[in-house]
Amino acid sequence: MFNAKIRSDTLKEIVSIVSTLVDEAKFNITPDGFNLKAVDPAHVAMIDLDVEKAAFEEFVADETELGIDLDKMKEVLRLAGSGDILEIVQDEDRNRLVMTVGNITRRMNLVDTTGMSDPRVPNLSLPASISVNINEMQRGIKAAESVSDHIALTASKDGFEMYSEGDTDSVSLKLPKDLLATLEIEESVKSLYPLDYFSNMMKAIPSGTIVSINLGSDYPVKIGFELADGKGVVNYLLAPRIESD
């Protein structure tokens, strides 16, 4: 059983963040909120998302799994204005989700979760951690996209840098430590990542959010941040692109 009401802005954040990697997802519902773990089809990136029941206006649930087509949910969200409240109800008898916004009700079949696993989140101990306003990152991404299809992330005791190099041009974003919210570093690190994945993740994060970026040389990057006014936590993991000698 699942019956909840949520602000459209909050649900838009959640759906945008998850749909950067997958079109369908399994939401593990408990009486206290929900968790979602998913890996993209190419197994390059994953997301681990926890949202408390306090992020909802109303929330009543038993333990259950909901397989949801995120594109269908986006269609409903396009009908909602800022500040609108959406009601979401699980119709267990017909195995579907009923979403109501204003005077409009959308009934959608739930996706079979049988083949949807809960991927194991790797326990990474990475030597460099920075925190920075997402707006700075998004500006750097915008500059890099016209230059290359990959991006290098570098952290040292002096600060953080994003660098992309193409056949003829290069672009870099340098953030000295006094422009970072935090900088904790055991050793200088550098890794290369696919820009399309990294860009999609960065663009999905709401403006003004402080993100933590944990790095190691040739290790996955871990990108963490809060959503829903601190009532939800997201962690992205993105595998490195290993440079050949």
Protein backbone atom coordinates (compact mmCIF):
# COMPACT_ATOMS: atom_id res chain seq x y z
CA MET A 1 0.00 0.00 0.00
CA PHE A 2 1.21 3.46 -0.90
CA ASN A 3 -0.69 6.74 -0.64
CA ALA A 4 1.09 10.08 -0.68
CA LYS A 5 0.88 13.76 -1.54
CA ILE A 6 3.94 15.71 -2.67
CA ARG A 7 4.76 19.13 -4.03
CA SER A 8 5.30 19.11 -7.78
CA ASP A 9 8.65 20.91 -7.45
CA THR A 10 9.98 18.18 -5.14
CA LEU A 11 8.83 15.35 -7.39
CA LYS A 12 10.27 17.09 -10.46
CA GLU A 13 13.66 17.22 -8.71
CA ILE A 14 13.53 13.51 -7.89
CA VAL A 15 12.43 12.41 -11.36
CA SER A 16 14.98 14.63 -13.11
CA ILE A 17 17.83 13.30 -10.98
CA VAL A 18 16.92 9.62 -11.52
CA SER A 19 16.06 9.88 -15.23
CA THR A 20 19.59 11.05 -16.08
CA LEU A 21 20.54 7.35 -15.88
CA VAL A 22 17.43 5.21 -16.38
CA ASP A 23 13.97 5.36 -17.98
CA GLU A 24 12.42 2.90 -15.53
CA ALA A 25 13.22 2.48 -11.86
CA LYS A 26 12.26 0.42 -8.83
CA PHE A 27 11.23 2.49 -5.81
CA ASN A 28 11.65 0.52 -2.56
CA ILE A 29 8.92 1.94 -0.34
CA THR A 30 8.90 1.67 3.47
CA PRO A 31 6.74 3.37 6.12
CA ASP A 32 9.59 5.90 6.57
CA GLY A 33 10.15 6.92 2.93
CA PHE A 34 11.80 5.27 -0.05
CA ASN A 35 15.15 4.20 -1.49
CA LEU A 36 16.20 3.72 -5.08
CA LYS A 37 19.35 2.15 -6.49
CA ALA A 38 19.88 1.90 -10.23
CA VAL A 39 22.65 1.41 -12.80
CA ASP A 40 22.50 2.82 -16.32
CA PRO A 41 22.19 0.28 -19.19
CA ALA A 42 25.90 0.59 -20.09
CA HIS A 43 26.95 0.01 -16.44
CA VAL A 44 29.00 3.21 -16.45
CA ALA A 45 27.11 5.08 -13.70
CA MET A 46 24.80 4.41 -10.79
CA ILE A 47 22.54 6.32 -8.43
CA ASP A 48 21.70 5.72 -4.77
CA LEU A 49 18.78 7.86 -3.59
CA ASP A 50 17.10 8.05 -0.17
CA VAL A 51 14.05 10.24 0.50
CA GLU A 52 12.40 10.61 3.93
CA LYS A 53 8.63 10.64 4.38
CA ALA A 54 9.05 14.22 5.65
CA ALA A 55 9.71 15.27 2.03
CA PHE A 56 6.03 14.56 1.35
CA GLU A 57 3.00 16.58 2.39
CA GLU A 58 1.31 13.30 3.32
CA PHE A 59 2.79 9.80 3.31
CA VAL A 60 1.21 6.49 4.32
CA ALA A 61 2.82 3.25 3.15
CA ASP A 62 3.62 -0.37 3.85
CA GLU A 63 6.77 -2.02 2.57
CA THR A 64 6.32 -2.44 -1.17
CA GLU A 65 8.08 -2.08 -4.53
CA LEU A 66 6.88 0.23 -7.28
CA GLY A 67 8.29 -0.12 -10.79
CA ILE A 68 7.73 3.25 -12.46
CA ASP A 69 8.10 4.47 -16.04
CA LEU A 70 9.73 7.86 -15.48
CA ASP A 71 8.71 9.22 -18.88
CA LYS A 72 5.05 8.70 -17.96
CA MET A 73 5.60 10.47 -14.66
CA LYS A 74 7.20 13.39 -16.51
CA GLU A 75 4.07 13.68 -18.65
CA VAL A 76 1.98 14.19 -15.54
CA LEU A 77 4.48 16.65 -14.07
CA ARG A 78 4.26 18.81 -17.20
CA LEU A 79 0.63 19.46 -16.25
CA ALA A 80 1.58 20.67 -12.77
CA GLY A 81 2.42 24.24 -11.92
CA SER A 82 4.97 25.35 -9.35
CA GLY A 83 3.60 24.69 -5.89
CA ASP A 84 0.88 22.29 -7.03
CA ILE A 85 0.28 19.22 -4.88
CA LEU A 86 0.18 15.81 -6.58
CA GLU A 87 -1.59 12.85 -5.05
CA ILE A 88 -0.08 9.44 -5.79
CA VAL A 89 -1.96 6.24 -4.93
CA GLN A 90 -1.03 2.62 -5.57
CA ASP A 91 -3.94 0.65 -7.03
CA GLU A 92 -2.89 -2.82 -5.90
CA ASP A 93 -5.83 -4.63 -7.48
CA ARG A 94 -5.05 -3.35 -10.99
CA ASN A 95 -1.25 -3.07 -10.46
CA ARG A 96 -1.12 0.57 -11.43
CA LEU A 97 -0.32 4.00 -10.09
CA VAL A 98 -2.95 6.71 -9.93
CA MET A 99 -1.65 10.29 -10.04
CA THR A 100 -3.90 13.31 -9.57
CA VAL A 101 -2.99 16.95 -10.18
CA GLY A 102 -5.80 19.48 -9.96
CA ASN A 103 -8.80 18.00 -11.78
CA ILE A 104 -6.71 15.65 -13.91
CA THR A 105 -6.17 11.99 -12.99
CA ARG A 106 -3.65 9.78 -14.80
CA ARG A 107 -3.71 6.02 -14.33
CA MET A 108 -0.55 4.22 -15.41
CA ASN A 109 0.46 0.58 -15.31
CA LEU A 110 3.34 -0.22 -13.00
CA VAL A 111 6.48 -1.79 -14.47
CA ASP A 112 7.33 -5.38 -13.53
CA THR A 113 10.20 -5.22 -11.01
CA THR A 114 11.14 -8.90 -11.32
CA GLY A 115 14.21 -8.17 -13.44
CA MET A 116 15.19 -5.01 -11.56
CA SER A 117 18.00 -5.67 -9.11
CA ASP A 118 19.23 -3.51 -6.25
CA PRO A 119 22.86 -3.01 -7.25
CA ARG A 120 25.46 -3.10 -4.52
CA VAL A 121 26.90 0.32 -3.77
CA PRO A 122 30.71 0.03 -3.63
CA ASN A 123 32.34 1.16 -0.39
CA LEU A 124 34.96 3.61 -1.68
CA SER A 125 37.56 5.30 0.49
CA LEU A 126 38.78 8.13 -1.74
CA PRO A 127 41.68 10.42 -0.85
CA ALA A 128 40.24 13.75 -2.04
CA SER A 129 36.98 15.46 -1.19
CA ILE A 130 35.75 18.89 -2.20
CA SER A 131 32.45 20.70 -1.76
CA VAL A 132 31.39 23.37 -4.24
CA ASN A 133 28.31 25.24 -5.43
CA ILE A 134 26.80 23.41 -8.40
CA ASN A 135 26.50 26.70 -10.33
CA GLU A 136 30.28 26.82 -10.71
CA MET A 137 30.36 23.24 -11.97
CA GLN A 138 27.55 23.83 -14.45
CA ARG A 139 29.39 26.81 -15.96
CA GLY A 140 32.50 24.70 -16.43
CA ILE A 141 30.49 21.88 -18.01
CA LYS A 142 28.85 24.27 -20.46
CA ALA A 143 32.28 25.49 -21.56
CA ALA A 144 33.68 21.95 -21.92
CA GLU A 145 30.86 20.45 -24.00
CA SER A 146 31.91 22.22 -27.20
CA VAL A 147 35.53 21.05 -26.90
CA SER A 148 35.69 17.34 -26.03
CA ASP A 149 33.75 14.20 -25.11
CA HIS A 150 35.67 13.62 -21.87
CA ILE A 151 36.67 15.64 -18.84
CA ALA A 152 39.52 15.40 -16.37
CA LEU A 153 38.94 16.15 -12.69
CA THR A 154 41.97 17.12 -10.64
CA ALA A 155 42.27 17.94 -6.94
CA SER A 156 45.30 19.08 -4.98
CA LYS A 157 45.98 21.01 -1.79
CA ASP A 158 45.68 24.19 -3.86
CA GLY A 159 42.18 23.54 -5.19
CA PHE A 160 40.10 21.78 -7.84
CA GLU A 161 40.20 21.82 -11.65
CA MET A 162 38.05 20.50 -14.48
CA TYR A 163 39.89 20.23 -17.79
CA SER A 164 38.80 19.16 -21.28
CA GLU A 165 41.01 18.93 -24.34
CA GLY A 166 39.94 18.31 -27.92
CA ASP A 167 41.83 18.09 -31.19
CA THR A 168 42.44 21.82 -31.41
CA ASP A 169 41.00 23.51 -28.31
CA SER A 170 40.99 23.08 -24.55
CA VAL A 171 39.02 24.58 -21.68
CA SER A 172 39.53 24.52 -17.92
CA LEU A 173 37.69 25.59 -14.79
CA LYS A 174 40.05 26.28 -11.89
CA LEU A 175 38.66 26.75 -8.40
CA PRO A 176 41.27 27.68 -5.78
CA LYS A 177 40.60 26.41 -2.28
CA ASP A 178 39.23 29.77 -1.11
CA LEU A 179 36.35 29.40 -3.63
CA LEU A 180 35.47 25.90 -2.40
CA ALA A 181 33.07 25.22 0.45
CA THR A 182 35.46 22.53 1.73
CA LEU A 183 38.69 20.85 0.62
CA GLU A 184 40.03 17.71 2.28
CA ILE A 185 42.90 15.98 0.55
CA GLU A 186 45.38 13.24 1.40
CA GLU A 187 47.15 13.27 -1.96
CA SER A 188 46.85 14.95 -5.37
CA VAL A 189 44.52 13.01 -7.68
CA LYS A 190 43.42 13.06 -11.31
CA SER A 191 40.87 11.00 -13.24
CA LEU A 192 39.24 11.15 -16.66
CA TYR A 193 35.47 10.71 -17.12
CA PRO A 194 32.98 10.56 -20.01
CA LEU A 195 31.63 14.09 -20.36
CA ASP A 196 28.12 13.15 -21.49
CA TYR A 197 27.41 11.25 -18.27
CA PHE A 198 29.09 13.82 -16.05
CA SER A 199 27.27 16.67 -17.78
CA ASN A 200 23.84 15.03 -17.45
CA MET A 201 24.41 14.47 -13.73
CA MET A 202 25.55 18.04 -13.11
CA LYS A 203 22.68 19.56 -15.08
CA ALA A 204 20.08 17.60 -13.09
CA ILE A 205 21.25 19.06 -9.77
CA PRO A 206 19.16 22.09 -8.69
CA SER A 207 20.80 25.52 -8.88
CA GLY A 208 22.51 26.66 -5.69
CA THR A 209 23.03 23.14 -4.35
CA ILE A 210 26.31 22.40 -2.58
CA VAL A 211 27.74 19.16 -4.00
CA SER A 212 30.48 16.99 -2.53
CA ILE A 213 32.89 15.43 -5.03
CA ASN A 214 35.06 12.54 -3.86
CA LEU A 215 37.99 11.58 -6.10
CA GLY A 216 40.86 9.14 -6.45
CA SER A 217 43.25 8.62 -9.36
CA ASP A 218 41.54 6.32 -11.89
CA TYR A 219 38.71 5.57 -9.45
CA PRO A 220 34.99 6.24 -9.80
CA VAL A 221 33.94 9.75 -8.80
CA LYS A 222 31.30 9.99 -6.09
CA ILE A 223 29.00 13.00 -6.30
CA GLY A 224 26.75 13.60 -3.29
CA PHE A 225 24.15 16.22 -2.46
CA GLU A 226 20.89 16.83 -0.63
CA LEU A 227 17.48 17.50 -2.13
CA ALA A 228 13.97 18.29 -0.88
CA ASP A 229 15.30 20.81 1.66
CA GLY A 230 17.61 18.25 3.22
CA LYS A 231 14.98 15.50 3.44
CA GLY A 232 16.63 13.47 0.71
CA VAL A 233 20.19 12.39 -0.12
CA VAL A 234 21.59 11.47 -3.54
CA ASN A 235 24.87 9.80 -4.46
CA TYR A 236 25.96 9.39 -8.06
CA LEU A 237 28.90 7.15 -8.99
CA LEU A 238 30.62 7.44 -12.37
CA ALA A 239 33.29 5.03 -13.62
CA PRO A 240 36.56 6.52 -14.88
CA ARG A 241 37.76 6.44 -18.46
CA ILE A 242 41.20 4.86 -18.27
CA GLU A 243 43.75 6.46 -20.57
CA SER A 244 45.77 4.00 -22.65
CA ASP A 245 49.53 4.38 -22.75
